[in-house]
Protein backbone atom coordinates (compact mmCIF):
# COMPACT_ATOMS: atom_id res chain seq x y z
CA UNK A 1 13.31 21.35 -4.54
CA UNK A 2 13.53 18.06 -2.66
CA UNK A 3 10.17 16.32 -2.88
CA UNK A 4 11.33 13.39 -0.76
CA UNK A 5 9.09 12.33 2.12
CA UNK A 6 11.44 9.58 3.15
CA UNK A 7 10.70 7.36 6.15
CA UNK A 8 13.38 4.98 7.40
CA UNK A 9 12.70 1.84 9.44
CA UNK A 10 15.07 -0.77 10.81
CA UNK A 11 15.32 -2.53 7.42
CA UNK A 12 13.40 -0.45 4.92
CA UNK A 13 13.16 2.97 3.34
CA UNK A 14 9.80 4.38 2.26
CA UNK A 15 10.13 7.11 -0.31
CA UNK A 16 8.88 8.63 -3.53
CA UNK A 17 8.92 6.31 -6.53
CA UNK A 18 11.80 6.89 -8.96
CA UNK A 19 12.02 6.50 -12.73
CA UNK A 20 14.54 3.71 -12.14
CA UNK A 21 11.77 1.73 -10.35
CA UNK A 22 9.72 1.40 -13.55
CA UNK A 23 10.54 -2.28 -14.22
CA UNK A 24 10.13 -3.39 -10.59
CA UNK A 25 6.83 -1.57 -10.08
CA UNK A 26 5.42 -2.77 -13.39
CA UNK A 27 6.41 -6.32 -12.38
CA UNK A 28 4.42 -5.82 -9.16
CA UNK A 29 1.43 -4.36 -11.05
CA UNK A 30 1.39 -7.36 -13.42
CA UNK A 31 2.12 -10.10 -10.86
CA UNK A 32 -0.63 -12.74 -10.77
CA UNK A 33 -0.22 -13.38 -7.02
CA UNK A 34 -0.41 -9.67 -6.20
CA UNK A 35 -3.51 -9.29 -8.39
CA UNK A 36 -5.38 -11.87 -6.30
CA UNK A 37 -5.63 -9.43 -3.37
CA UNK A 38 -4.52 -5.98 -4.58
CA UNK A 39 -7.13 -4.74 -7.01
CA UNK A 40 -5.47 -4.04 -10.35
CA UNK A 41 -6.52 -4.18 -13.98
CA UNK A 42 -5.12 -6.88 -16.24
CA UNK A 43 -2.27 -5.46 -18.26
CA UNK A 44 -1.47 -7.46 -21.40
CA UNK A 45 1.98 -5.89 -21.61
CA UNK A 46 4.43 -3.78 -19.66
CA UNK A 47 3.56 -0.90 -22.01
CA UNK A 48 -0.10 -1.09 -20.89
CA UNK A 49 1.01 -0.78 -17.24
CA UNK A 50 3.24 2.25 -17.85
CA UNK A 51 0.46 4.88 -17.41
CA UNK A 52 -0.31 3.46 -13.95
CA UNK A 53 3.40 3.52 -13.10
CA UNK A 54 3.52 7.17 -14.21
CA UNK A 55 0.44 8.02 -12.14
CA UNK A 56 1.76 6.31 -9.00
CA UNK A 57 5.14 8.01 -9.42
CA UNK A 58 3.44 11.42 -9.74
CA UNK A 59 1.23 10.75 -6.72
CA UNK A 60 4.29 9.70 -4.69
CA UNK A 61 5.80 13.12 -5.41
CA UNK A 62 2.63 14.99 -4.37
CA UNK A 63 2.98 16.25 -0.78
CA UNK A 64 -0.79 16.00 -0.29
CA UNK A 65 -0.89 12.29 -1.14
CA UNK A 66 0.61 9.31 0.65
CA UNK A 67 2.09 6.99 -1.95
CA UNK A 68 5.41 5.39 -1.08
CA UNK A 69 7.72 2.91 -2.68
CA UNK A 70 8.93 0.31 -0.18
CA UNK A 71 12.70 -0.16 -0.59
CA UNK A 72 14.99 -2.86 0.75
CA UNK A 73 18.65 -1.95 0.25
CA UNK A 74 17.61 0.51 -2.46
CA UNK A 75 15.47 -1.99 -4.41
CA UNK A 76 11.72 -1.42 -4.75
CA UNK A 77 9.89 -4.41 -3.21
CA UNK A 78 6.41 -2.95 -2.74
CA UNK A 79 4.11 0.01 -2.52
CA UNK A 80 1.93 1.73 0.09
CA UNK A 81 -0.76 4.11 -1.13
CA UNK A 82 -3.66 6.17 0.09
CA UNK A 83 -6.98 5.09 -1.40
CA UNK A 84 -9.16 7.75 0.22
CA UNK A 85 -8.60 10.83 2.38
CA UNK A 86 -11.53 12.39 4.25
CA UNK A 87 -10.73 15.04 6.81
CA UNK A 88 -8.45 13.53 9.47
CA UNK A 89 -8.99 9.96 8.22
CA UNK A 90 -6.91 8.24 5.57
CA UNK A 91 -7.45 4.79 4.05
CA UNK A 92 -4.31 2.99 2.94
CA UNK A 93 -3.49 -0.01 0.76
CA UNK A 94 -0.27 -1.94 0.29
CA UNK A 95 1.31 -4.63 -1.85
CA UNK A 96 4.63 -6.45 -1.91
CA UNK A 97 6.30 -8.52 -4.56
CA UNK A 98 5.70 -12.17 -3.56
CA UNK A 99 9.44 -12.87 -3.22
CA UNK A 100 9.33 -10.67 -0.10
CA UNK A 101 6.28 -12.20 1.59
CA UNK A 102 6.44 -13.65 5.13
CA UNK A 103 9.41 -11.58 6.29
CA UNK A 104 7.59 -8.82 8.17
CA UNK A 105 8.28 -6.16 5.55
CA UNK A 106 4.63 -5.20 5.01
CA UNK A 107 4.08 -4.85 8.76
CA UNK A 108 7.26 -2.83 9.23
CA UNK A 109 6.43 -0.48 6.35
CA UNK A 110 2.75 -0.04 7.24
CA UNK A 111 3.49 0.58 10.93
CA UNK A 112 5.99 3.29 9.93
CA UNK A 113 3.45 4.97 7.64
CA UNK A 114 0.77 4.84 10.35
CA UNK A 115 3.19 6.58 12.73
CA UNK A 116 4.01 9.17 10.07
CA UNK A 117 0.34 9.85 9.34
CA UNK A 118 -0.39 10.34 13.05
CA UNK A 119 2.64 12.65 13.39
CA UNK A 120 1.30 14.96 10.69
CA UNK A 121 -2.19 15.19 12.19
CA UNK A 122 -4.31 12.32 10.92
CA UNK A 123 -6.52 10.87 13.66
CA UNK A 124 -7.53 7.58 12.02
CA UNK A 125 -5.94 5.19 9.54
CA UNK A 126 -8.17 2.63 7.80
CA UNK A 127 -7.34 -0.36 5.63
CA UNK A 128 -9.40 -3.10 4.06
CA UNK A 129 -8.73 -6.63 2.87
CA UNK A 130 -10.68 -9.45 1.33
CA UNK A 131 -11.93 -11.59 4.21
CA UNK A 132 -9.93 -14.57 2.93
CA UNK A 133 -6.65 -12.65 2.87
CA UNK A 134 -5.32 -13.82 6.22
CA UNK A 135 -1.84 -12.42 5.60
CA UNK A 136 -3.08 -8.88 5.05
CA UNK A 137 -5.44 -9.10 8.01
CA UNK A 138 -2.49 -10.23 10.15
CA UNK A 139 -0.43 -7.23 8.96
CA UNK A 140 -3.22 -4.87 10.03
CA UNK A 141 -3.56 -6.59 13.42
CA UNK A 142 0.22 -6.50 14.01
CA UNK A 143 0.07 -2.76 13.30
CA UNK A 144 -2.42 -2.35 16.15
CA UNK A 145 -5.51 -2.04 13.97
CA UNK A 146 -8.81 -3.52 15.04
CA UNK A 147 -11.69 -4.76 12.95
CA UNK A 148 -14.52 -2.25 12.59
CA UNK A 149 -18.13 -2.84 11.62
CA UNK A 150 -17.65 -1.76 8.01
CA UNK A 151 -17.75 -4.41 5.29
CA UNK A 152 -18.24 -4.18 1.57
CA UNK A 153 -19.04 -6.65 -1.20
CA UNK A 154 -16.65 -6.10 -4.08
CA UNK A 155 -16.87 -7.79 -7.47
CA UNK A 156 -13.31 -8.42 -8.63
CA UNK A 157 -12.13 -10.78 -11.35
CA UNK A 158 -15.51 -12.47 -11.62
CA UNK A 159 -15.81 -13.22 -7.90
CA UNK A 160 -17.72 -11.33 -5.21
CA UNK A 161 -15.37 -10.76 -2.26
CA UNK A 162 -16.29 -9.61 1.23
CA UNK A 163 -13.94 -6.78 2.14
CA UNK A 164 -13.42 -6.27 5.88
CA UNK A 165 -12.06 -3.05 7.33
CA UNK A 166 -9.66 -2.32 10.15
CA UNK A 167 -8.79 0.97 11.81
CA UNK A 168 -6.40 2.52 14.29
CA UNK A 169 -6.84 5.87 15.99
CA UNK A 170 -4.17 8.23 17.29
CA UNK A 171 -6.33 8.91 20.33
């Protein structure tokens, strides 16, 4: 059975995570820059991060979940994942390896996933970012999302962050 839920964009492929992506995804999960804005535990070793890799891979193969590897020319450069699904609303998160920042990849991938989610019946896509994460906020805005009234104080790595939320509706 083909579990692929592949989405192709002009430059990227979004697809289920593969066993061969283990090293690249663990590098993302352990990257200090990524961990500043994408909430992850501290892994002291690659071995400590392997259970999260295994979980994300399994979720990416689950047709009821929306976890995608972001691939550039077959190489995993990031991840998009659902963080909450309630009825016809899905909240998404995303992260890229820093070597691929500032090239429009996050916007391209997230816009494609938003279109996919709308095409399969979701009415609203949400995403949140720390208020100081201008790059992520810009990605959401470029994807047509608008800031909503929801905010949340999140304690992460010894700092209380204000998380702001954005949404886009298929209506």
